[in-house]
C-alpha atoms as a PDB file:
ATOM      1  CA  MET A   1     -16.718 165.562 127.600  1.00  0.00           C
ATOM      2  CA  PHE A   2     -15.354 166.886 124.323  1.00  0.00           C
ATOM      3  CA  GLN A   3     -13.765 164.576 121.769  1.00  0.00           C
ATOM      4  CA  LEU A   4     -11.310 166.164 119.329  1.00  0.00           C
ATOM      5  CA  GLU A   5     -10.697 165.106 115.756  1.00  0.00           C
ATOM      6  CA  GLU A   6      -7.524 166.721 114.473  1.00  0.00           C
ATOM      7  CA  THR A   7      -8.170 167.269 110.785  1.00  0.00           C
ATOM      8  CA  ARG A   8      -4.999 168.623 109.220  1.00  0.00           C
ATOM      9  CA  VAL A   9      -2.071 171.005 109.345  1.00  0.00           C
ATOM     10  CA  VAL A  10      -1.216 173.187 106.369  1.00  0.00           C
ATOM     11  CA  ASP A  11       1.971 175.224 105.991  1.00  0.00           C
ATOM     12  CA  ASN A  12       2.000 178.497 104.056  1.00  0.00           C
ATOM     13  CA  GLY A  13       4.632 181.092 103.676  1.00  0.00           C
ATOM     14  CA  PRO A  14       6.923 182.603 104.023  1.00  0.00           C
ATOM     15  CA  CYS A  15       5.647 185.205 106.481  1.00  0.00           C
ATOM     16  CA  GLU A  16       6.130 188.756 105.155  1.00  0.00           C
ATOM     17  CA  CYS A  17       7.489 190.024 108.464  1.00  0.00           C
ATOM     18  CA  CYS A  18       9.938 187.286 109.463  1.00  0.00           C
ATOM     19  CA  GLY A  19      10.344 184.841 106.569  1.00  0.00           C
ATOM     20  CA  ALA A  20       9.066 181.858 108.582  1.00  0.00           C
ATOM     21  CA  SER A  21       6.214 179.596 107.485  1.00  0.00           C
ATOM     22  CA  SER A  22       2.754 180.099 108.878  1.00  0.00           C
ATOM     23  CA  ARG A  23       0.757 177.091 109.985  1.00  0.00           C
ATOM     24  CA  LEU A  24      -2.939 176.306 110.123  1.00  0.00           C
ATOM     25  CA  ALA A  25      -4.231 173.412 112.227  1.00  0.00           C
ATOM     26  CA  THR A  26      -7.897 172.499 111.925  1.00  0.00           C
ATOM     27  CA  GLY A  27     -10.171 170.097 113.716  1.00  0.00           C
ATOM     28  CA  MET A  28     -13.641 169.191 114.843  1.00  0.00           C
ATOM     29  CA  VAL A  29     -14.938 168.931 118.380  1.00  0.00           C
ATOM     30  CA  ARG A  30     -17.653 166.407 119.145  1.00  0.00           C
ATOM     31  CA  LEU A  31     -19.860 166.240 122.195  1.00  0.00           C
ATOM     32  CA  ASN A  32     -21.669 162.945 122.805  1.00  0.00           C
ATOM     33  CA  ASP A  33     -20.432 161.826 119.359  1.00  0.00           C
ATOM     34  CA  GLU A  34     -22.249 164.713 117.636  1.00  0.00           C
ATOM     35  CA  PRO A  35     -20.495 167.583 115.813  1.00  0.00           C
ATOM     36  CA  TYR A  36     -20.249 170.481 118.246  1.00  0.00           C
ATOM     37  CA  ALA A  37     -17.635 172.895 116.860  1.00  0.00           C
ATOM     38  CA  ILE A  38     -15.011 173.356 114.197  1.00  0.00           C
ATOM     39  CA  TYR A  39     -11.772 175.090 115.053  1.00  0.00           C
ATOM     40  CA  GLN A  40      -8.747 176.616 113.380  1.00  0.00           C
ATOM     41  CA  VAL A  41      -5.449 177.622 114.934  1.00  0.00           C
ATOM     42  CA  HIS A  42      -3.085 179.945 113.014  1.00  0.00           C
ATOM     43  CA  TRP A  43       0.509 180.700 114.000  1.00  0.00           C
ATOM     44  CA  THR A  44       3.939 181.413 112.565  1.00  0.00           C
ATOM     45  CA  SER A  45       6.475 178.619 113.084  1.00  0.00           C
ATOM     46  CA  ASN A  46       9.178 179.472 115.601  1.00  0.00           C
ATOM     47  CA  GLN A  47       7.537 182.861 116.229  1.00  0.00           C
ATOM     48  CA  VAL A  48       4.815 182.089 118.793  1.00  0.00           C
ATOM     49  CA  VAL A  49       6.491 184.079 121.553  1.00  0.00           C
ATOM     50  CA  LYS A  50       6.753 187.078 119.220  1.00  0.00           C
ATOM     51  CA  HIS A  51       3.406 186.919 117.382  1.00  0.00           C
ATOM     52  CA  GLY A  52       1.171 184.652 119.475  1.00  0.00           C
ATOM     53  CA  ALA A  53      -1.471 182.560 117.716  1.00  0.00           C
ATOM     54  CA  GLU A  54      -5.049 182.937 116.573  1.00  0.00           C
ATOM     55  CA  PHE A  55      -7.717 180.469 117.702  1.00  0.00           C
ATOM     56  CA  TYR A  56     -11.026 180.463 115.839  1.00  0.00           C
ATOM     57  CA  VAL A  57     -14.058 178.439 116.930  1.00  0.00           C
ATOM     58  CA  ILE A  58     -17.176 177.913 114.812  1.00  0.00           C
ATOM     59  CA  LEU A  59     -20.251 176.966 116.854  1.00  0.00           C
ATOM     60  CA  GLY A  60     -23.932 176.480 116.144  1.00  0.00           C
ATOM     61  CA  GLU A  61     -25.986 173.863 114.368  1.00  0.00           C
ATOM     62  CA  PHE A  62     -24.221 171.201 112.314  1.00  0.00           C
ATOM     63  CA  GLY A  63     -25.484 168.345 110.226  1.00  0.00           C
ATOM     64  CA  GLU A  64     -27.801 167.689 107.330  1.00  0.00           C
ATOM     65  CA  GLY A  65     -29.772 170.704 106.185  1.00  0.00           C
ATOM     66  CA  THR A  66     -27.798 173.297 108.151  1.00  0.00           C
ATOM     67  CA  THR A  67     -26.199 176.320 106.510  1.00  0.00           C
ATOM     68  CA  ALA A  68     -23.767 179.070 107.450  1.00  0.00           C
ATOM     69  CA  ALA A  69     -26.733 181.005 108.844  1.00  0.00           C
ATOM     70  CA  ASP A  70     -26.912 178.370 111.598  1.00  0.00           C
ATOM     71  CA  LYS A  71     -23.313 178.980 112.713  1.00  0.00           C
ATOM     72  CA  PHE A  72     -21.246 181.719 114.337  1.00  0.00           C
ATOM     73  CA  ALA A  73     -17.558 182.265 115.006  1.00  0.00           C
ATOM     74  CA  VAL A  74     -15.583 183.397 118.033  1.00  0.00           C
ATOM     75  CA  ALA A  75     -11.942 184.488 117.849  1.00  0.00           C
ATOM     76  CA  LEU A  76      -9.266 184.429 120.538  1.00  0.00           C
ATOM     77  CA  HIS A  77      -5.706 185.685 120.431  1.00  0.00           C
ATOM     78  CA  PHE A  78      -3.114 183.621 122.295  1.00  0.00           C
ATOM     79  CA  PHE A  79      -0.454 185.943 123.703  1.00  0.00           C
ATOM     80  CA  VAL A  80       2.912 185.446 125.357  1.00  0.00           C
ATOM     81  CA  GLU A  81       4.381 188.071 127.661  1.00  0.00           C
ATOM     82  CA  PRO A  82       7.562 187.856 129.756  1.00  0.00           C
ATOM     83  CA  ASP A  83       5.726 186.795 132.915  1.00  0.00           C
ATOM     84  CA  ARG A  84       2.494 185.266 131.610  1.00  0.00           C
ATOM     85  CA  PHE A  85       0.587 183.851 128.659  1.00  0.00           C
ATOM     86  CA  GLY A  86      -3.068 183.356 127.920  1.00  0.00           C
ATOM     87  CA  PHE A  87      -6.052 183.914 125.671  1.00  0.00           C
ATOM     88  CA  SER A  88      -7.998 187.061 124.955  1.00  0.00           C
ATOM     89  CA  VAL A  89     -11.301 187.162 123.105  1.00  0.00           C
ATOM     90  CA  VAL A  90     -11.054 189.505 120.120  1.00  0.00           C
ATOM     91  CA  ASP A  91     -13.565 190.816 117.573  1.00  0.00           C
ATOM     92  CA  ALA A  92     -14.119 187.831 115.260  1.00  0.00           C
ATOM     93  CA  ASP A  93     -15.870 190.140 112.804  1.00  0.00           C
ATOM     94  CA  LYS A  94     -12.484 191.826 112.231  1.00  0.00           C
ATOM     95  CA  THR A  95     -10.554 188.601 111.582  1.00  0.00           C
ATOM     96  CA  ALA A  96     -10.100 186.164 108.719  1.00  0.00           C
ATOM     97  CA  ILE A  97     -12.691 183.769 110.194  1.00  0.00           C
ATOM     98  CA  SER A  98     -15.462 186.246 109.357  1.00  0.00           C
ATOM     99  CA  SER A  99     -15.219 185.304 105.669  1.00  0.00           C
ATOM    100  CA  HIS A 100     -15.159 181.524 106.242  1.00  0.00           C
ATOM    101  CA  PRO A 101     -17.884 179.857 104.137  1.00  0.00           C
ATOM    102  CA  LEU A 102     -19.331 178.070 107.191  1.00  0.00           C
ATOM    103  CA  VAL A 103     -19.693 181.249 109.268  1.00  0.00           C
ATOM    104  CA  GLY A 104     -22.990 183.107 109.232  1.00  0.00           C
ATOM    105  CA  ARG A 105     -21.987 185.588 111.951  1.00  0.00           C
ATOM    106  CA  ALA A 106     -18.593 186.472 113.386  1.00  0.00           C
ATOM    107  CA  LEU A 107     -19.143 187.753 116.909  1.00  0.00           C
ATOM    108  CA  PRO A 108     -17.610 190.913 118.273  1.00  0.00           C
ATOM    109  CA  ARG A 109     -15.826 190.572 121.617  1.00  0.00           C
ATOM    110  CA  ALA A 110     -18.686 192.292 123.455  1.00  0.00           C
ATOM    111  CA  ASP A 111     -21.058 189.458 122.456  1.00  0.00           C
ATOM    112  CA  VAL A 112     -18.833 186.903 124.227  1.00  0.00           C
ATOM    113  CA  ILE A 113     -17.224 188.480 127.291  1.00  0.00           C
ATOM    114  CA  ASP A 114     -19.313 188.349 130.482  1.00  0.00           C
ATOM    115  CA  LYS A 115     -21.918 186.198 128.713  1.00  0.00           C
ATOM    116  CA  PRO A 116     -22.705 182.492 129.273  1.00  0.00           C
ATOM    117  CA  LEU A 117     -21.041 181.839 125.900  1.00  0.00           C
ATOM    118  CA  ALA A 118     -17.656 182.829 127.365  1.00  0.00           C
ATOM    119  CA  LYS A 119     -17.500 179.761 129.629  1.00  0.00           C
ATOM    120  CA  GLU A 120     -18.426 177.479 126.738  1.00  0.00           C
ATOM    121  CA  VAL A 121     -15.758 179.026 124.513  1.00  0.00           C
ATOM    122  CA  PHE A 122     -13.035 178.828 127.163  1.00  0.00           C
ATOM    123  CA  ASP A 123     -13.966 175.204 127.935  1.00  0.00           C
ATOM    124  CA  LEU A 124     -13.553 174.445 124.222  1.00  0.00           C
ATOM    125  CA  ILE A 125     -10.232 176.288 124.047  1.00  0.00           C
ATOM    126  CA  ASP A 126      -8.996 174.349 127.092  1.00  0.00           C
ATOM    127  CA  ALA A 127      -9.895 171.058 125.388  1.00  0.00           C
ATOM    128  CA  ILE A 128      -8.126 172.096 122.187  1.00  0.00           C
ATOM    129  CA  TRP A 129      -5.083 173.409 124.092  1.00  0.00           C
ATOM    130  CA  LEU A 130      -4.708 170.201 126.092  1.00  0.00           C
ATOM    131  CA  ASN A 131      -5.562 167.619 123.435  1.00  0.00           C
ATOM    132  CA  ASP A 132      -4.625 168.752 119.927  1.00  0.00           C
ATOM    133  CA  GLY A 133      -1.198 167.321 119.137  1.00  0.00           C
ATOM    134  CA  ASN A 134      -0.904 169.539 116.073  1.00  0.00           C
ATOM    135  CA  ILE A 135      -0.506 172.659 118.223  1.00  0.00           C
ATOM    136  CA  ALA A 136       2.300 171.245 120.379  1.00  0.00           C
ATOM    137  CA  GLU A 137       4.640 173.950 119.058  1.00  0.00           C
ATOM    138  CA  ILE A 138       2.405 176.595 120.633  1.00  0.00           C
ATOM    139  CA  ARG A 139       2.260 174.783 123.992  1.00  0.00           C
ATOM    140  CA  ASN A 140       6.011 174.155 123.883  1.00  0.00           C
ATOM    141  CA  SER A 141       6.678 177.862 123.302  1.00  0.00           C
ATOM    142  CA  VAL A 142       5.552 178.522 126.867  1.00  0.00           C
ATOM    143  CA  GLY A 143       6.886 175.323 128.392  1.00  0.00           C
ATOM    144  CA  HIS A 144       3.535 173.506 128.514  1.00  0.00           C
ATOM    145  CA  GLY A 145       4.040 170.764 125.929  1.00  0.00           C
END
């Protein structure tokens, strides 16, 4: 079972399109007390229904002696539509996470969808969605807080 460590929330802004602040929540996921993944969630305050949110997950080898070459990133877009909401895997190599100093490779969508990695990623996203208190605004935007 995953254990989450919420690291921090940083506000930036204002957003060029709406004037609201953007937020970045970060954390670490552990599995059996060992580092398993790092995650980032980006969204614009009070604009989740309009803009959605970006969820980035960094996976691979962690610990002493590891480098960015040992890690890869997956990106998901959280969307809200009138009758549904959910996550869609997007091309991480075309997002901000691709230039993160811990990321050796940012995976395109095709390297995740319909692959065993997809289940792992969605299990991680579920754990983050359900357990990270720092993203309550996103859950609350769809009535799942």
